[in-house]
Structures are given as structure tokens and as C-alpha cells.
Amino acid sequence: MGAGHGSGLALSLMLAGGGSVLLVGLAAAAFVQRRSRSYLLVFLALATLLVRSATGLLMVNGLVDDAVHHTLEHGLDVALVGFLLVAVYTVRSDRTRATGERR
């Protein structure tokens, strides 16, 4: 990997990490205010984006092996999707219970 490519990747990861910090902070504030399982799950899903960026930065700096980075990223993708699916299911179940709807 050339020097320009590595620095561009590091910049992208830092920008993604900064955006993720902002999103995780907002999600944490929303969870603290609402205190519901669905808000916790959305917070956790967004936190996986932050961990992905951190893992990428660790790899660019040579602190994490490329294979480990690759495996972690795919595992975090699975976790993100899982958290979001459970959050949506939780909201639908809670709404159904609250309104007494039947399917």
C-alpha cells in the first residue's frame, strides 16, 4: 500500500470515527432519556460502527493484523444487523402489546 493510500485511509477512518462518536453520543443520550430496550439496541448497533473505525485505525497503525481486522469487521457487521433487527422486533412487539393488536 502506498503512502498516499494509507494516509487517505487513515483520514477516512478518523472522519468515520468522529461521525460515529457523535452518533453514539446522541444514541446514548436518547437511551438515558427513554430507558427502553429498543433505544439500548440502537445505541449498541451504532457503537459497532465506532468499534469498526477503531479496528481499522489499529490495523492501519500496524497494531492489529489484517486477518484479525477482517474477521472483526465482519463480526461487527453481523452484530450491527442483529441489534437493529431485534430493536425493530422489540418496538413492534411493544406496540402490539400496548395497543392490544392481534396479527
PDB file of N, CA and C in Angstrom:
ATOM      1  N   MET A   1       0.856  -1.162   0.000  1.00  0.00           N
ATOM      2  CA  MET A   1       0.000   0.000   0.000  1.00  0.00           C
ATOM      3  C   MET A   1       0.897   1.218   0.000  1.00  0.00           C
ATOM      4  N   GLY A   2       0.631   2.183  -0.889  1.00  0.00           N
ATOM      5  CA  GLY A   2       1.433   3.395  -0.983  1.00  0.00           C
ATOM      6  C   GLY A   2       1.142   4.345   0.150  1.00  0.00           C
ATOM      7  N   ALA A   3       2.051   5.317   0.341  1.00  0.00           N
ATOM      8  CA  ALA A   3       1.904   6.271   1.443  1.00  0.00           C
ATOM      9  C   ALA A   3       0.638   7.099   1.290  1.00  0.00           C
ATOM     10  N   GLY A   4       0.304   7.508   0.066  1.00  0.00           N
ATOM     11  CA  GLY A   4      -0.905   8.309  -0.162  1.00  0.00           C
ATOM     12  C   GLY A   4      -2.173   7.531   0.168  1.00  0.00           C
ATOM     13  N   HIS A   5      -2.163   6.256  -0.220  1.00  0.00           N
ATOM     14  CA  HIS A   5      -3.332   5.409   0.041  1.00  0.00           C
ATOM     15  C   HIS A   5      -3.533   5.217   1.542  1.00  0.00           C
ATOM     16  N   GLY A   6      -2.441   4.957   2.260  1.00  0.00           N
ATOM     17  CA  GLY A   6      -2.532   4.736   3.708  1.00  0.00           C
ATOM     18  C   GLY A   6      -2.996   5.966   4.448  1.00  0.00           C
ATOM     19  N   SER A   7      -2.495   7.149   4.058  1.00  0.00           N
ATOM     20  CA  SER A   7      -2.907   8.363   4.751  1.00  0.00           C
ATOM     21  C   SER A   7      -4.356   8.714   4.421  1.00  0.00           C
ATOM     22  N   GLY A   8      -4.779   8.427   3.178  1.00  0.00           N
ATOM     23  CA  GLY A   8      -6.184   8.652   2.807  1.00  0.00           C
ATOM     24  C   GLY A   8      -7.103   7.725   3.581  1.00  0.00           C
ATOM     25  N   LEU A   9      -6.668   6.496   3.754  1.00  0.00           N
ATOM     26  CA  LEU A   9      -7.454   5.530   4.523  1.00  0.00           C
ATOM     27  C   LEU A   9      -7.532   5.954   5.984  1.00  0.00           C
ATOM     28  N   ALA A  10      -6.404   6.386   6.528  1.00  0.00           N
ATOM     29  CA  ALA A  10      -6.391   6.831   7.928  1.00  0.00           C
ATOM     30  C   ALA A  10      -7.311   8.040   8.108  1.00  0.00           C
ATOM     31  N   LEU A  11      -7.288   8.979   7.155  1.00  0.00           N
ATOM     32  CA  LEU A  11      -8.165  10.145   7.234  1.00  0.00           C
ATOM     33  C   LEU A  11      -9.632   9.724   7.176  1.00  0.00           C
ATOM     34  N   SER A  12      -9.946   8.806   6.263  1.00  0.00           N
ATOM     35  CA  SER A  12     -11.326   8.305   6.155  1.00  0.00           C
ATOM     36  C   SER A  12     -11.771   7.654   7.457  1.00  0.00           C
ATOM     37  N   LEU A  13     -10.892   6.869   8.047  1.00  0.00           N
ATOM     38  CA  LEU A  13     -11.222   6.184   9.297  1.00  0.00           C
ATOM     39  C   LEU A  13     -11.410   7.176  10.439  1.00  0.00           C
ATOM     40  N   MET A  14     -10.584   8.232  10.458  1.00  0.00           N
ATOM     41  CA  MET A  14     -10.734   9.245  11.512  1.00  0.00           C
ATOM     42  C   MET A  14     -12.049  10.011  11.343  1.00  0.00           C
ATOM     43  N   LEU A  15     -12.413  10.336  10.107  1.00  0.00           N
ATOM     44  CA  LEU A  15     -13.688  11.017   9.864  1.00  0.00           C
ATOM     45  C   LEU A  15     -14.866  10.113  10.235  1.00  0.00           C
ATOM     46  N   ALA A  16     -14.776   8.851   9.832  1.00  0.00           N
ATOM     47  CA  ALA A  16     -15.833   7.893  10.173  1.00  0.00           C
ATOM     48  C   ALA A  16     -15.915   7.724  11.690  1.00  0.00           C
ATOM     49  N   GLY A  17     -14.760   7.654  12.338  1.00  0.00           N
ATOM     50  CA  GLY A  17     -14.732   7.528  13.794  1.00  0.00           C
ATOM     51  C   GLY A  17     -15.339   8.745  14.478  1.00  0.00           C
ATOM     52  N   GLY A  18     -15.021   9.938  13.974  1.00  0.00           N
ATOM     53  CA  GLY A  18     -15.597  11.162  14.545  1.00  0.00           C
ATOM     54  C   GLY A  18     -17.105  11.194  14.390  1.00  0.00           C
ATOM     55  N   GLY A  19     -17.585  10.820  13.203  1.00  0.00           N
ATOM     56  CA  GLY A  19     -19.037  10.748  12.990  1.00  0.00           C
ATOM     57  C   GLY A  19     -19.682   9.704  13.886  1.00  0.00           C
ATOM     58  N   SER A  20     -18.990   8.586  14.060  1.00  0.00           N
ATOM     59  CA  SER A  20     -19.509   7.518  14.920  1.00  0.00           C
ATOM     60  C   SER A  20     -19.567   7.959  16.378  1.00  0.00           C
ATOM     61  N   VAL A  21     -18.548   8.701  16.825  1.00  0.00           N
ATOM     62  CA  VAL A  21     -18.554   9.219  18.202  1.00  0.00           C
ATOM     63  C   VAL A  21     -19.782  10.107  18.408  1.00  0.00           C
ATOM     64  N   LEU A  22     -20.053  10.972  17.429  1.00  0.00           N
ATOM     65  CA  LEU A  22     -21.216  11.857  17.518  1.00  0.00           C
ATOM     66  C   LEU A  22     -22.518  11.044  17.578  1.00  0.00           C
ATOM     67  N   LEU A  23     -22.660  10.080  16.676  1.00  0.00           N
ATOM     68  CA  LEU A  23     -23.868   9.251  16.655  1.00  0.00           C
ATOM     69  C   LEU A  23     -24.036   8.431  17.938  1.00  0.00           C
ATOM     70  N   VAL A  24     -22.939   7.860  18.424  1.00  0.00           N
ATOM     71  CA  VAL A  24     -23.004   7.057  19.653  1.00  0.00           C
ATOM     72  C   VAL A  24     -23.371   7.957  20.835  1.00  0.00           C
ATOM     73  N   GLY A  25     -22.827   9.165  20.862  1.00  0.00           N
ATOM     74  CA  GLY A  25     -23.176  10.111  21.927  1.00  0.00           C
ATOM     75  C   GLY A  25     -24.653  10.465  21.904  1.00  0.00           C
ATOM     76  N   LEU A  26     -25.183  10.740  20.715  1.00  0.00           N
ATOM     77  CA  LEU A  26     -26.616  11.050  20.594  1.00  0.00           C
ATOM     78  C   LEU A  26     -27.472   9.848  20.980  1.00  0.00           C
ATOM     79  N   ALA A  27     -27.052   8.664  20.558  1.00  0.00           N
ATOM     80  CA  ALA A  27     -27.800   7.450  20.894  1.00  0.00           C
ATOM     81  C   ALA A  27     -27.762   7.188  22.398  1.00  0.00           C
ATOM     82  N   ALA A  28     -26.618   7.446  23.018  1.00  0.00           N
ATOM     83  CA  ALA A  28     -26.508   7.265  24.476  1.00  0.00           C
ATOM     84  C   ALA A  28     -27.428   8.236  25.201  1.00  0.00           C
ATOM     85  N   ALA A  29     -27.453   9.484  24.746  1.00  0.00           N
ATOM     86  CA  ALA A  29     -28.336  10.481  25.365  1.00  0.00           C
ATOM     87  C   ALA A  29     -29.800  10.080  25.203  1.00  0.00           C
ATOM     88  N   ALA A  30     -30.162   9.579  24.020  1.00  0.00           N
ATOM     89  CA  ALA A  30     -31.543   9.138  23.787  1.00  0.00           C
ATOM     90  C   ALA A  30     -31.888   7.955  24.684  1.00  0.00           C
ATOM     91  N   PHE A  31     -30.938   7.023  24.827  1.00  0.00           N
ATOM     92  CA  PHE A  31     -31.192   5.872  25.694  1.00  0.00           C
ATOM     93  C   PHE A  31     -31.377   6.297  27.146  1.00  0.00           C
ATOM     94  N   VAL A  32     -30.523   7.202  27.628  1.00  0.00           N
ATOM     95  CA  VAL A  32     -30.626   7.676  29.014  1.00  0.00           C
ATOM     96  C   VAL A  32     -31.978   8.347  29.238  1.00  0.00           C
ATOM     97  N   GLN A  33     -32.439   9.079  28.238  1.00  0.00           N
ATOM     98  CA  GLN A  33     -33.727   9.773  28.362  1.00  0.00           C
ATOM     99  C   GLN A  33     -34.906   8.793  28.293  1.00  0.00           C
ATOM    100  N   ARG A  34     -34.871   7.842  27.371  1.00  0.00           N
ATOM    101  CA  ARG A  34     -36.013   6.927  27.150  1.00  0.00           C
ATOM    102  C   ARG A  34     -35.960   5.655  27.978  1.00  0.00           C
ATOM    103  N   ARG A  35     -34.767   5.154  28.245  1.00  0.00           N
ATOM    104  CA  ARG A  35     -34.573   3.934  29.041  1.00  0.00           C
ATOM    105  C   ARG A  35     -35.397   2.741  28.535  1.00  0.00           C
ATOM    106  N   SER A  36     -35.333   2.518  27.220  1.00  0.00           N
ATOM    107  CA  SER A  36     -36.046   1.363  26.678  1.00  0.00           C
ATOM    108  C   SER A  36     -35.062   0.425  25.997  1.00  0.00           C
ATOM    109  N   ARG A  37     -35.475  -0.803  25.882  1.00  0.00           N
ATOM    110  CA  ARG A  37     -34.615  -1.815  25.274  1.00  0.00           C
ATOM    111  C   ARG A  37     -34.310  -1.483  23.817  1.00  0.00           C
ATOM    112  N   SER A  38     -35.278  -0.953  23.081  1.00  0.00           N
ATOM    113  CA  SER A  38     -35.029  -0.640  21.674  1.00  0.00           C
ATOM    114  C   SER A  38     -33.991   0.476  21.534  1.00  0.00           C
ATOM    115  N   TYR A  39     -34.014   1.474  22.414  1.00  0.00           N
ATOM    116  CA  TYR A  39     -33.006   2.537  22.363  1.00  0.00           C
ATOM    117  C   TYR A  39     -31.623   1.983  22.725  1.00  0.00           C
ATOM    118  N   LEU A  40     -31.562   1.056  23.660  1.00  0.00           N
ATOM    119  CA  LEU A  40     -30.296   0.422  24.008  1.00  0.00           C
ATOM    120  C   LEU A  40     -29.737  -0.339  22.804  1.00  0.00           C
ATOM    121  N   LEU A  41     -30.599  -1.051  22.111  1.00  0.00           N
ATOM    122  CA  LEU A  41     -30.164  -1.833  20.952  1.00  0.00           C
ATOM    123  C   LEU A  41     -29.667  -0.939  19.818  1.00  0.00           C
ATOM    124  N   VAL A  42     -30.325   0.199  19.596  1.00  0.00           N
ATOM    125  CA  VAL A  42     -29.858   1.141  18.578  1.00  0.00           C
ATOM    126  C   VAL A  42     -28.508   1.719  18.995  1.00  0.00           C
ATOM    127  N   PHE A  43     -28.353   2.045  20.274  1.00  0.00           N
ATOM    128  CA  PHE A  43     -27.068   2.521  20.790  1.00  0.00           C
ATOM    129  C   PHE A  43     -25.975   1.484  20.515  1.00  0.00           C
ATOM    130  N   LEU A  44     -26.250   0.218  20.823  1.00  0.00           N
ATOM    131  CA  LEU A  44     -25.260  -0.837  20.604  1.00  0.00           C
ATOM    132  C   LEU A  44     -24.933  -1.000  19.116  1.00  0.00           C
ATOM    133  N   ALA A  45     -25.949  -0.900  18.263  1.00  0.00           N
ATOM    134  CA  ALA A  45     -25.714  -1.004  16.822  1.00  0.00           C
ATOM    135  C   ALA A  45     -24.788   0.112  16.351  1.00  0.00           C
ATOM    136  N   LEU A  46     -25.040   1.333  16.788  1.00  0.00           N
ATOM    137  CA  LEU A  46     -24.191   2.451  16.390  1.00  0.00           C
ATOM    138  C   LEU A  46     -22.796   2.341  16.997  1.00  0.00           C
ATOM    139  N   ALA A  47     -22.703   1.762  18.175  1.00  0.00           N
ATOM    140  CA  ALA A  47     -21.399   1.566  18.805  1.00  0.00           C
ATOM    141  C   ALA A  47     -20.537   0.613  17.985  1.00  0.00           C
ATOM    142  N   THR A  48     -21.163  -0.329  17.275  1.00  0.00           N
ATOM    143  CA  THR A  48     -20.368  -1.228  16.431  1.00  0.00           C
ATOM    144  C   THR A  48     -19.671  -0.453  15.315  1.00  0.00           C
ATOM    145  N   LEU A  49     -20.300   0.624  14.831  1.00  0.00           N
ATOM    146  CA  LEU A  49     -19.649   1.448  13.806  1.00  0.00           C
ATOM    147  C   LEU A  49     -18.392   2.102  14.367  1.00  0.00           C
ATOM    148  N   LEU A  50     -18.464   2.552  15.608  1.00  0.00           N
ATOM    149  CA  LEU A  50     -17.303   3.156  16.257  1.00  0.00           C
ATOM    150  C   LEU A  50     -16.181   2.133  16.431  1.00  0.00           C
ATOM    151  N   VAL A  51     -16.549   0.933  16.847  1.00  0.00           N
ATOM    152  CA  VAL A  51     -15.545  -0.122  17.034  1.00  0.00           C
ATOM    153  C   VAL A  51     -14.923  -0.510  15.691  1.00  0.00           C
ATOM    154  N   ARG A  52     -15.721  -0.513  14.618  1.00  0.00           N
ATOM    155  CA  ARG A  52     -15.188  -0.802  13.279  1.00  0.00           C
ATOM    156  C   ARG A  52     -14.122   0.218  12.900  1.00  0.00           C
ATOM    157  N   SER A  53     -14.416   1.504  13.128  1.00  0.00           N
ATOM    158  CA  SER A  53     -13.444   2.552  12.801  1.00  0.00           C
ATOM    159  C   SER A  53     -12.183   2.399  13.636  1.00  0.00           C
ATOM    160  N   ALA A  54     -12.345   2.112  14.913  1.00  0.00           N
ATOM    161  CA  ALA A  54     -11.185   1.934  15.795  1.00  0.00           C
ATOM    162  C   ALA A  54     -10.344   0.746  15.339  1.00  0.00           C
ATOM    163  N   THR A  55     -10.998  -0.331  14.947  1.00  0.00           N
ATOM    164  CA  THR A  55     -10.284  -1.515  14.463  1.00  0.00           C
ATOM    165  C   THR A  55      -9.502  -1.187  13.191  1.00  0.00           C
ATOM    166  N   GLY A  56     -10.121  -0.423  12.306  1.00  0.00           N
ATOM    167  CA  GLY A  56      -9.435  -0.008  11.083  1.00  0.00           C
ATOM    168  C   GLY A  56      -8.216   0.845  11.380  1.00  0.00           C
ATOM    169  N   LEU A  57      -8.347   1.786  12.302  1.00  0.00           N
ATOM    170  CA  LEU A  57      -7.197   2.613  12.682  1.00  0.00           C
ATOM    171  C   LEU A  57      -6.081   1.779  13.303  1.00  0.00           C
ATOM    172  N   LEU A  58      -6.466   0.802  14.113  1.00  0.00           N
ATOM    173  CA  LEU A  58      -5.463  -0.081  14.708  1.00  0.00           C
ATOM    174  C   LEU A  58      -4.727  -0.874  13.632  1.00  0.00           C
ATOM    175  N   MET A  59      -5.457  -1.305  12.601  1.00  0.00           N
ATOM    176  CA  MET A  59      -4.833  -2.057  11.518  1.00  0.00           C
ATOM    177  C   MET A  59      -3.891  -1.158  10.721  1.00  0.00           C
ATOM    178  N   VAL A  60      -4.339   0.066  10.388  1.00  0.00           N
ATOM    179  CA  VAL A  60      -3.506   0.994   9.621  1.00  0.00           C
ATOM    180  C   VAL A  60      -2.210   1.297  10.372  1.00  0.00           C
ATOM    181  N   ASN A  61      -2.282   1.359  11.695  1.00  0.00           N
ATOM    182  CA  ASN A  61      -1.105   1.642  12.509  1.00  0.00           C
ATOM    183  C   ASN A  61      -0.297   0.388  12.850  1.00  0.00           C
ATOM    184  N   GLY A  62      -0.700  -0.759  12.298  1.00  0.00           N
ATOM    185  CA  GLY A  62       0.059  -1.988  12.480  1.00  0.00           C
ATOM    186  C   GLY A  62      -0.142  -2.668  13.826  1.00  0.00           C
ATOM    187  N   LEU A  63      -1.172  -2.276  14.564  1.00  0.00           N
ATOM    188  CA  LEU A  63      -1.420  -2.857  15.886  1.00  0.00           C
ATOM    189  C   LEU A  63      -2.359  -4.058  15.846  1.00  0.00           C
ATOM    190  N   VAL A  64      -3.068  -4.218  14.731  1.00  0.00           N
ATOM    191  CA  VAL A  64      -3.965  -5.362  14.545  1.00  0.00           C
ATOM    192  C   VAL A  64      -3.645  -5.970  13.186  1.00  0.00           C
ATOM    193  N   ASP A  65      -3.510  -7.266  13.148  1.00  0.00           N
ATOM    194  CA  ASP A  65      -3.244  -7.997  11.915  1.00  0.00           C
ATOM    195  C   ASP A  65      -4.406  -7.838  10.942  1.00  0.00           C
ATOM    196  N   ASP A  66      -4.096  -7.822   9.654  1.00  0.00           N
ATOM    197  CA  ASP A  66      -5.120  -7.656   8.625  1.00  0.00           C
ATOM    198  C   ASP A  66      -6.202  -8.731   8.714  1.00  0.00           C
ATOM    199  N   ALA A  67      -5.822  -9.973   8.951  1.00  0.00           N
ATOM    200  CA  ALA A  67      -6.799 -11.064   9.040  1.00  0.00           C
ATOM    201  C   ALA A  67      -7.721 -10.877  10.247  1.00  0.00           C
ATOM    202  N   VAL A  68      -7.143 -10.456  11.370  1.00  0.00           N
ATOM    203  CA  VAL A  68      -7.954 -10.204  12.576  1.00  0.00           C
ATOM    204  C   VAL A  68      -8.912  -9.051  12.314  1.00  0.00           C
ATOM    205  N   HIS A  69      -8.396  -7.986  11.684  1.00  0.00           N
ATOM    206  CA  HIS A  69      -9.229  -6.830  11.339  1.00  0.00           C
ATOM    207  C   HIS A  69     -10.397  -7.250  10.457  1.00  0.00           C
ATOM    208  N   HIS A  70     -10.112  -8.059   9.449  1.00  0.00           N
ATOM    209  CA  HIS A  70     -11.139  -8.502   8.510  1.00  0.00           C
ATOM    210  C   HIS A  70     -12.216  -9.322   9.236  1.00  0.00           C
ATOM    211  N   THR A  71     -11.795 -10.226  10.082  1.00  0.00           N
ATOM    212  CA  THR A  71     -12.738 -11.063  10.839  1.00  0.00           C
ATOM    213  C   THR A  71     -13.577 -10.209  11.786  1.00  0.00           C
ATOM    214  N   LEU A  72     -12.930  -9.292  12.490  1.00  0.00           N
ATOM    215  CA  LEU A  72     -13.658  -8.417  13.409  1.00  0.00           C
ATOM    216  C   LEU A  72     -14.692  -7.569  12.675  1.00  0.00           C
ATOM    217  N   GLU A  73     -14.307  -7.023  11.530  1.00  0.00           N
ATOM    218  CA  GLU A  73     -15.250  -6.191  10.775  1.00  0.00           C
ATOM    219  C   GLU A  73     -16.502  -6.963  10.384  1.00  0.00           C
ATOM    220  N   HIS A  74     -16.318  -8.191   9.889  1.00  0.00           N
ATOM    221  CA  HIS A  74     -17.496  -8.975   9.507  1.00  0.00           C
ATOM    222  C   HIS A  74     -18.323  -9.367  10.729  1.00  0.00           C
ATOM    223  N   GLY A  75     -17.676  -9.680  11.823  1.00  0.00           N
ATOM    224  CA  GLY A  75     -18.405  -9.972  13.063  1.00  0.00           C
ATOM    225  C   GLY A  75     -19.192  -8.769  13.552  1.00  0.00           C
ATOM    226  N   LEU A  76     -18.590  -7.583  13.446  1.00  0.00           N
ATOM    227  CA  LEU A  76     -19.286  -6.359  13.849  1.00  0.00           C
ATOM    228  C   LEU A  76     -20.454  -6.055  12.920  1.00  0.00           C
ATOM    229  N   ASP A  77     -20.311  -6.366  11.634  1.00  0.00           N
ATOM    230  CA  ASP A  77     -21.429  -6.191  10.693  1.00  0.00           C
ATOM    231  C   ASP A  77     -22.613  -7.068  11.098  1.00  0.00           C
ATOM    232  N   VAL A  78     -22.311  -8.305  11.454  1.00  0.00           N
ATOM    233  CA  VAL A  78     -23.364  -9.236  11.890  1.00  0.00           C
ATOM    234  C   VAL A  78     -24.025  -8.708  13.169  1.00  0.00           C
ATOM    235  N   ALA A  79     -23.217  -8.224  14.106  1.00  0.00           N
ATOM    236  CA  ALA A  79     -23.757  -7.682  15.360  1.00  0.00           C
ATOM    237  C   ALA A  79     -24.645  -6.475  15.092  1.00  0.00           C
ATOM    238  N   LEU A  80     -24.198  -5.564  14.213  1.00  0.00           N
ATOM    239  CA  LEU A  80     -24.985  -4.373  13.889  1.00  0.00           C
ATOM    240  C   LEU A  80     -26.362  -4.766  13.351  1.00  0.00           C
ATOM    241  N   VAL A  81     -26.372  -5.666  12.387  1.00  0.00           N
ATOM    242  CA  VAL A  81     -27.644  -6.104  11.797  1.00  0.00           C
ATOM    243  C   VAL A  81     -28.508  -6.780  12.853  1.00  0.00           C
ATOM    244  N   GLY A  82     -27.898  -7.611  13.681  1.00  0.00           N
ATOM    245  CA  GLY A  82     -28.653  -8.295  14.739  1.00  0.00           C
ATOM    246  C   GLY A  82     -29.274  -7.313  15.722  1.00  0.00           C
ATOM    247  N   PHE A  83     -28.494  -6.328  16.164  1.00  0.00           N
ATOM    248  CA  PHE A  83     -29.023  -5.331  17.100  1.00  0.00           C
ATOM    249  C   PHE A  83     -30.201  -4.577  16.483  1.00  0.00           C
ATOM    250  N   LEU A  84     -30.060  -4.190  15.219  1.00  0.00           N
ATOM    251  CA  LEU A  84     -31.143  -3.433  14.579  1.00  0.00           C
ATOM    252  C   LEU A  84     -32.393  -4.289  14.374  1.00  0.00           C
ATOM    253  N   LEU A  85     -32.217  -5.544  13.969  1.00  0.00           N
ATOM    254  CA  LEU A  85     -33.385  -6.415  13.786  1.00  0.00           C
ATOM    255  C   LEU A  85     -34.131  -6.637  15.107  1.00  0.00           C
ATOM    256  N   VAL A  86     -33.379  -6.866  16.175  1.00  0.00           N
ATOM    257  CA  VAL A  86     -34.016  -7.067  17.477  1.00  0.00           C
ATOM    258  C   VAL A  86     -34.683  -5.772  17.934  1.00  0.00           C
ATOM    259  N   ALA A  87     -34.080  -4.617  17.661  1.00  0.00           N
ATOM    260  CA  ALA A  87     -34.685  -3.329  18.034  1.00  0.00           C
ATOM    261  C   ALA A  87     -36.024  -3.144  17.326  1.00  0.00           C
ATOM    262  N   VAL A  88     -36.060  -3.437  16.025  1.00  0.00           N
ATOM    263  CA  VAL A  88     -37.311  -3.302  15.267  1.00  0.00           C
ATOM    264  C   VAL A  88     -38.352  -4.281  15.799  1.00  0.00           C
ATOM    265  N   TYR A  89     -37.955  -5.516  16.038  1.00  0.00           N
ATOM    266  CA  TYR A  89     -38.878  -6.511  16.575  1.00  0.00           C
ATOM    267  C   TYR A  89     -39.414  -6.074  17.938  1.00  0.00           C
ATOM    268  N   THR A  90     -38.524  -5.526  18.780  1.00  0.00           N
ATOM    269  CA  THR A  90     -38.918  -5.085  20.121  1.00  0.00           C
ATOM    270  C   THR A  90     -39.948  -3.967  20.047  1.00  0.00           C
ATOM    271  N   VAL A  91     -39.707  -3.004  19.166  1.00  0.00           N
ATOM    272  CA  VAL A  91     -40.652  -1.891  19.022  1.00  0.00           C
ATOM    273  C   VAL A  91     -42.002  -2.405  18.541  1.00  0.00           C
ATOM    274  N   ARG A  92     -41.993  -3.292  17.564  1.00  0.00           N
ATOM    275  CA  ARG A  92     -43.266  -3.847  17.055  1.00  0.00           C
ATOM    276  C   ARG A  92     -43.987  -4.640  18.139  1.00  0.00           C
ATOM    277  N   SER A  93     -43.252  -5.441  18.898  1.00  0.00           N
ATOM    278  CA  SER A  93     -43.862  -6.238  19.961  1.00  0.00           C
ATOM    279  C   SER A  93     -44.430  -5.353  21.059  1.00  0.00           C
ATOM    280  N   ASP A  94     -43.673  -4.326  21.438  1.00  0.00           N
ATOM    281  CA  ASP A  94     -44.149  -3.405  22.471  1.00  0.00           C
ATOM    282  C   ASP A  94     -45.396  -2.664  22.009  1.00  0.00           C
ATOM    283  N   ARG A  95     -45.404  -2.241  20.743  1.00  0.00           N
ATOM    284  CA  ARG A  95     -46.564  -1.518  20.209  1.00  0.00           C
ATOM    285  C   ARG A  95     -47.776  -2.440  20.162  1.00  0.00           C
ATOM    286  N   THR A  96     -47.567  -3.685  19.751  1.00  0.00           N
ATOM    287  CA  THR A  96     -48.662  -4.647  19.687  1.00  0.00           C
ATOM    288  C   THR A  96     -49.243  -4.888  21.082  1.00  0.00           C
ATOM    289  N   ARG A  97     -48.348  -5.044  22.068  1.00  0.00           N
ATOM    290  CA  ARG A  97     -48.792  -5.250  23.447  1.00  0.00           C
ATOM    291  C   ARG A  97     -49.544  -4.035  23.979  1.00  0.00           C
ATOM    292  N   ALA A  98     -49.068  -2.838  23.670  1.00  0.00           N
ATOM    293  CA  ALA A  98     -49.669  -1.594  24.189  1.00  0.00           C
ATOM    294  C   ALA A  98     -51.034  -1.330  23.571  1.00  0.00           C
ATOM    295  N   THR A  99     -51.205  -1.676  22.291  1.00  0.00           N
ATOM    296  CA  THR A  99     -52.464  -1.382  21.627  1.00  0.00           C
ATOM    297  C   THR A  99     -53.429  -2.558  21.637  1.00  0.00           C
ATOM    298  N   GLY A 100     -52.935  -3.720  22.022  1.00  0.00           N
ATOM    299  CA  GLY A 100     -53.780  -4.899  22.056  1.00  0.00           C
ATOM    300  C   GLY A 100     -54.064  -5.464  20.671  1.00  0.00           C
ATOM    301  N   GLU A 101     -53.267  -5.065  19.684  1.00  0.00           N
ATOM    302  CA  GLU A 101     -53.444  -5.565  18.313  1.00  0.00           C
ATOM    303  C   GLU A 101     -53.163  -7.054  18.278  1.00  0.00           C
ATOM    304  N   ARG A 102     -53.827  -7.710  17.347  1.00  0.00           N
ATOM    305  CA  ARG A 102     -53.548  -9.114  17.068  1.00  0.00           C
ATOM    306  C   ARG A 102     -53.222  -9.226  15.607  1.00  0.00           C
ATOM    307  N   ARG A 103     -52.348 -10.152  15.290  1.00  0.00           N
ATOM    308  CA  ARG A 103     -51.972 -10.338  13.883  1.00  0.00           C
ATOM    309  C   ARG A 103     -52.886 -11.286  13.209  1.00  0.00           C
TER     310      ARG A 103
END
